Amino acid sequence: MENSSPFDLNEALRQWRLNMSASPALRPDDLDELEFHLRDSVALLQSKGLSAREAFWVAKSRVGTNDALDCEFGKVNADQVWLNRALWMVLGLVAMGMLSTLLSALANLSTVVVHNLTGEERLLGPLSLIVYLAAFIGLLLLVWRSGRRSNGIVWQIGSWMKTHPIAAAIRVFLFMALSSVIAWGVNVFMHWNMPASPFGKIMLWHLWVPCLSAFFWPFVLAWLLVRTARKPVIQ
């Protein structure tokens, strides 16, 4: 029988705090207070004969689950919760706007390549739309998976932006300006390298994007509401 790896109490406490810090309802001083109680409880349980691993798990269960602490501190720090939600909503809108602009430019550029290689015109519009939608949905899924992890790139970016607000605002402005310039440059390149007929067809097909969004986002909203409603409400 193989020996289990030794339990590192400090690492367990660090991971616990890292997971708890993902909650917008918990301020740094709240985390300090909870960690103090957790350490105190662990020390007390160890003095009664429990191992470090056993003491940590018992003490953590006594402190409360993530959902219970979210609900409790969310009532006290309601302003912080709403500010955090507003932050992620604005970041989401900005990110989707930039991604949509860049992916649209990528889709248009792919049609230029296909047209120059094959001379085909009829399928350029559908091809541009399919490339755009496939890339957008794929990136959306990647962002969703990353956002579900407390150490994912989404949370790392959000944490960095909170600690460097001025630099973050400047970089977002520069990225938005750069994406707009790229999209404008691609459109100019298409206009110069494609006849007017296929260029117009591609632009017409892009009018389907807002129409499809009108059906796509309500389904996403409904799914999120169902997922949220399934979580138990702690009184």
Protein backbone atom coordinates (compact mmCIF):
# COMPACT_ATOMS: atom_id res chain seq x y z
CA MET A 1 0.00 0.00 0.00
CA GLU A 2 1.42 3.36 -1.02
CA ASN A 3 1.80 6.10 1.55
CA SER A 4 -0.45 9.10 1.00
CA SER A 5 1.25 12.45 0.47
CA PRO A 6 1.72 14.51 3.64
CA PHE A 7 -0.95 17.10 4.32
CA ASP A 8 0.25 20.71 4.03
CA LEU A 9 -2.01 22.80 6.26
CA ASN A 10 -0.67 26.15 5.05
CA GLU A 11 -1.21 25.17 1.40
CA ALA A 12 -4.74 23.97 2.20
CA LEU A 13 -5.50 27.27 3.91
CA ARG A 14 -4.03 29.17 0.95
CA GLN A 15 -6.20 27.25 -1.52
CA TRP A 16 -9.26 27.76 0.68
CA ARG A 17 -8.66 31.52 0.76
CA LEU A 18 -8.04 31.60 -2.99
CA ASN A 19 -11.35 29.87 -3.65
CA MET A 20 -13.21 32.11 -1.23
CA SER A 21 -11.67 35.28 -2.72
CA ALA A 22 -13.57 34.57 -5.95
CA SER A 23 -16.78 35.58 -4.18
CA PRO A 24 -17.66 39.27 -4.70
CA ALA A 25 -19.49 39.25 -1.36
CA LEU A 26 -16.28 38.80 0.64
CA ARG A 27 -14.01 41.76 1.21
CA PRO A 28 -10.33 41.27 2.12
CA ASP A 29 -11.03 42.08 5.79
CA ASP A 30 -13.86 39.51 5.76
CA LEU A 31 -11.43 36.91 4.45
CA ASP A 32 -8.93 37.86 7.14
CA GLU A 33 -11.55 37.36 9.84
CA LEU A 34 -12.73 34.03 8.41
CA GLU A 35 -9.17 32.77 8.05
CA PHE A 36 -8.41 33.76 11.65
CA HIS A 37 -11.44 31.77 12.89
CA LEU A 38 -10.50 28.84 10.66
CA ARG A 39 -6.92 28.72 11.93
CA ASP A 40 -8.08 29.07 15.53
CA SER A 41 -10.56 26.23 15.08
CA VAL A 42 -7.92 24.02 13.44
CA ALA A 43 -5.52 24.60 16.33
CA LEU A 44 -8.24 23.77 18.87
CA LEU A 45 -9.19 20.55 17.09
CA GLN A 46 -5.55 19.50 16.79
CA SER A 47 -5.12 20.01 20.53
CA LYS A 48 -7.93 17.46 21.00
CA GLY A 49 -6.06 14.79 19.05
CA LEU A 50 -7.22 15.30 15.45
CA SER A 51 -4.69 15.24 12.64
CA ALA A 52 -4.04 18.40 10.63
CA ARG A 53 -6.06 17.03 7.72
CA GLU A 54 -9.03 16.05 9.91
CA ALA A 55 -8.92 19.31 11.85
CA PHE A 56 -8.90 21.37 8.66
CA TRP A 57 -11.91 19.62 7.11
CA VAL A 58 -13.94 19.78 10.33
CA ALA A 59 -13.06 23.45 10.88
CA LYS A 60 -13.84 24.33 7.27
CA SER A 61 -17.29 22.73 7.54
CA ARG A 62 -17.96 24.74 10.70
CA VAL A 63 -16.99 28.01 9.03
CA GLY A 64 -19.59 27.36 6.34
CA THR A 65 -19.94 26.45 2.69
CA ASN A 66 -19.21 28.91 -0.12
CA ASP A 67 -22.92 29.34 -0.85
CA ALA A 68 -23.77 29.99 2.79
CA LEU A 69 -21.00 32.57 3.20
CA ASP A 70 -21.94 34.21 -0.12
CA CYS A 71 -25.51 34.61 1.10
CA GLU A 72 -24.53 35.85 4.56
CA PHE A 73 -21.90 38.38 3.53
CA GLY A 74 -23.81 39.34 0.39
CA LYS A 75 -26.49 40.92 2.59
CA VAL A 76 -23.85 42.97 4.43
CA ASN A 77 -21.75 43.90 1.39
CA ALA A 78 -24.59 44.38 -1.10
CA ASP A 79 -22.92 47.44 -2.65
CA GLN A 80 -19.73 45.50 -3.28
CA VAL A 81 -21.68 42.65 -4.90
CA TRP A 82 -23.48 45.00 -7.29
CA LEU A 83 -20.30 46.88 -8.17
CA ASN A 84 -18.60 43.59 -8.98
CA ARG A 85 -21.54 42.50 -11.12
CA ALA A 86 -21.50 45.83 -12.94
CA LEU A 87 -17.76 45.43 -13.52
CA TRP A 88 -18.18 41.99 -15.11
CA MET A 89 -21.14 43.17 -17.19
CA VAL A 90 -19.14 46.08 -18.61
CA LEU A 91 -16.11 43.85 -19.18
CA GLY A 92 -18.32 41.30 -20.92
CA LEU A 93 -19.86 43.91 -23.21
CA VAL A 94 -16.48 45.41 -24.07
CA ALA A 95 -14.88 42.00 -24.64
CA MET A 96 -17.75 40.77 -26.82
CA GLY A 97 -17.66 43.98 -28.84
CA MET A 98 -13.92 43.66 -29.50
CA LEU A 99 -14.16 39.94 -30.23
CA SER A 100 -17.07 40.48 -32.59
CA THR A 101 -15.15 43.16 -34.48
CA LEU A 102 -11.96 41.09 -34.75
CA LEU A 103 -13.75 37.87 -35.67
CA SER A 104 -15.78 39.68 -38.31
CA ALA A 105 -12.52 40.94 -39.81
CA LEU A 106 -11.09 37.39 -39.69
CA ALA A 107 -14.18 35.98 -41.42
CA ASN A 108 -14.03 38.65 -44.11
CA LEU A 109 -10.34 38.02 -44.65
CA SER A 110 -11.02 34.29 -45.12
CA THR A 111 -13.51 35.09 -47.88
CA VAL A 112 -10.89 37.16 -49.69
CA VAL A 113 -8.52 34.19 -49.63
CA VAL A 114 -11.22 31.80 -50.86
CA HIS A 115 -12.28 34.19 -53.62
CA ASN A 116 -8.71 34.67 -54.84
CA LEU A 117 -8.12 30.90 -54.86
CA THR A 118 -11.39 29.72 -56.38
CA GLY A 119 -13.14 32.72 -57.86
CA GLU A 120 -16.36 31.48 -56.21
CA GLU A 121 -18.92 34.15 -55.33
CA ARG A 122 -22.13 32.38 -54.28
CA LEU A 123 -20.71 30.75 -51.14
CA LEU A 124 -18.65 33.70 -49.92
CA GLY A 125 -21.47 35.20 -47.85
CA PRO A 126 -22.46 31.96 -46.05
CA LEU A 127 -18.78 31.08 -45.57
CA SER A 128 -18.06 34.42 -43.90
CA LEU A 129 -21.06 34.02 -41.59
CA ILE A 130 -20.18 30.41 -40.67
CA VAL A 131 -16.54 31.27 -39.90
CA TYR A 132 -17.63 34.20 -37.75
CA LEU A 133 -20.23 32.22 -35.77
CA ALA A 134 -17.99 29.18 -35.28
CA ALA A 135 -15.10 31.30 -34.01
CA PHE A 136 -17.35 33.42 -31.76
CA ILE A 137 -19.11 30.45 -30.15
CA GLY A 138 -15.80 28.61 -29.73
CA LEU A 139 -14.18 31.56 -27.96
CA LEU A 140 -17.30 32.06 -25.84
CA LEU A 141 -17.10 28.46 -24.63
CA LEU A 142 -13.40 28.82 -23.83
CA VAL A 143 -14.06 31.99 -21.81
CA TRP A 144 -16.94 30.25 -20.00
CA ARG A 145 -14.73 27.30 -19.02
CA SER A 146 -11.95 29.59 -17.86
CA GLY A 147 -14.34 31.80 -15.88
CA ARG A 148 -15.59 28.81 -13.89
CA ARG A 149 -12.12 28.28 -12.40
CA SER A 150 -10.96 30.61 -9.63
CA ASN A 151 -7.41 30.52 -11.05
CA GLY A 152 -8.46 30.82 -14.70
CA ILE A 153 -7.28 33.53 -17.04
CA VAL A 154 -10.61 35.38 -16.78
CA TRP A 155 -10.33 35.79 -13.01
CA GLN A 156 -6.64 36.66 -13.29
CA ILE A 157 -7.43 39.44 -15.75
CA GLY A 158 -10.28 40.69 -13.55
CA SER A 159 -8.04 40.70 -10.46
CA TRP A 160 -5.30 42.56 -12.30
CA MET A 161 -7.75 45.17 -13.58
CA LYS A 162 -9.08 45.76 -10.06
CA THR A 163 -5.59 46.45 -8.74
CA HIS A 164 -4.53 48.55 -11.78
CA PRO A 165 -7.71 50.46 -12.78
CA ILE A 166 -6.07 53.32 -14.71
CA ALA A 167 -3.74 51.05 -16.66
CA ALA A 168 -6.65 48.68 -17.35
CA ALA A 169 -8.86 51.47 -18.71
CA ILE A 170 -6.05 52.71 -20.98
CA ARG A 171 -5.35 49.22 -22.32
CA VAL A 172 -9.02 48.54 -22.97
CA PHE A 173 -9.26 51.80 -24.93
CA LEU A 174 -6.16 50.90 -26.95
CA PHE A 175 -7.45 47.38 -27.67
CA MET A 176 -10.82 48.75 -28.78
CA ALA A 177 -9.13 51.31 -31.05
CA LEU A 178 -6.81 48.63 -32.46
CA SER A 179 -9.69 46.23 -33.19
CA SER A 180 -11.60 49.00 -34.99
CA VAL A 181 -8.54 49.90 -37.09
CA ILE A 182 -8.00 46.23 -38.00
CA ALA A 183 -11.64 45.81 -39.04
CA TRP A 184 -11.52 49.02 -41.10
CA GLY A 185 -8.28 47.92 -42.74
CA VAL A 186 -9.72 44.51 -43.67
CA ASN A 187 -12.79 46.14 -45.22
CA VAL A 188 -10.58 48.46 -47.26
CA PHE A 189 -8.45 45.49 -48.33
CA MET A 190 -11.59 43.61 -49.42
CA HIS A 191 -12.83 46.61 -51.37
CA TRP A 192 -9.55 46.84 -53.24
CA ASN A 193 -9.13 43.11 -53.91
CA MET A 194 -12.70 42.01 -54.68
CA PRO A 195 -15.28 43.02 -57.28
CA ALA A 196 -18.25 45.00 -56.04
CA SER A 197 -20.69 42.09 -56.45
CA PRO A 198 -19.12 39.56 -54.01
CA PHE A 199 -18.16 42.34 -51.62
CA GLY A 200 -21.79 43.48 -51.43
CA LYS A 201 -23.04 39.91 -50.92
CA ILE A 202 -20.67 39.39 -48.00
CA MET A 203 -21.82 42.61 -46.36
CA LEU A 204 -25.47 41.58 -46.80
CA TRP A 205 -24.85 38.23 -45.16
CA HIS A 206 -23.37 39.99 -42.14
CA LEU A 207 -26.79 41.55 -41.56
CA TRP A 208 -27.82 38.11 -40.29
CA VAL A 209 -25.56 38.50 -37.24
CA PRO A 210 -27.91 40.79 -35.24
CA CYS A 211 -30.88 38.64 -36.32
CA LEU A 212 -29.22 35.48 -35.02
CA SER A 213 -28.16 37.28 -31.84
CA ALA A 214 -31.81 38.10 -31.18
CA PHE A 215 -32.43 34.34 -30.87
CA PHE A 216 -29.10 33.25 -29.39
CA TRP A 217 -28.82 35.50 -26.33
CA PRO A 218 -32.36 34.88 -24.99
CA PHE A 219 -31.58 31.15 -24.99
CA VAL A 220 -28.33 31.82 -23.12
CA LEU A 221 -30.21 33.99 -20.63
CA ALA A 222 -32.85 31.30 -20.09
CA TRP A 223 -30.17 28.66 -19.52
CA LEU A 224 -28.38 30.87 -16.98
CA LEU A 225 -31.63 31.57 -15.15
CA VAL A 226 -32.39 27.84 -14.94
CA ARG A 227 -28.89 27.09 -13.67
CA THR A 228 -29.15 29.85 -11.08
CA ALA A 229 -32.61 28.77 -9.94
CA ARG A 230 -31.33 25.25 -9.24
CA LYS A 231 -29.01 26.51 -6.52
CA PRO A 232 -30.50 26.25 -3.03
CA VAL A 233 -31.55 29.50 -1.44
CA ILE A 234 -30.08 29.77 2.06
CA GLN A 235 -32.14 31.76 4.52
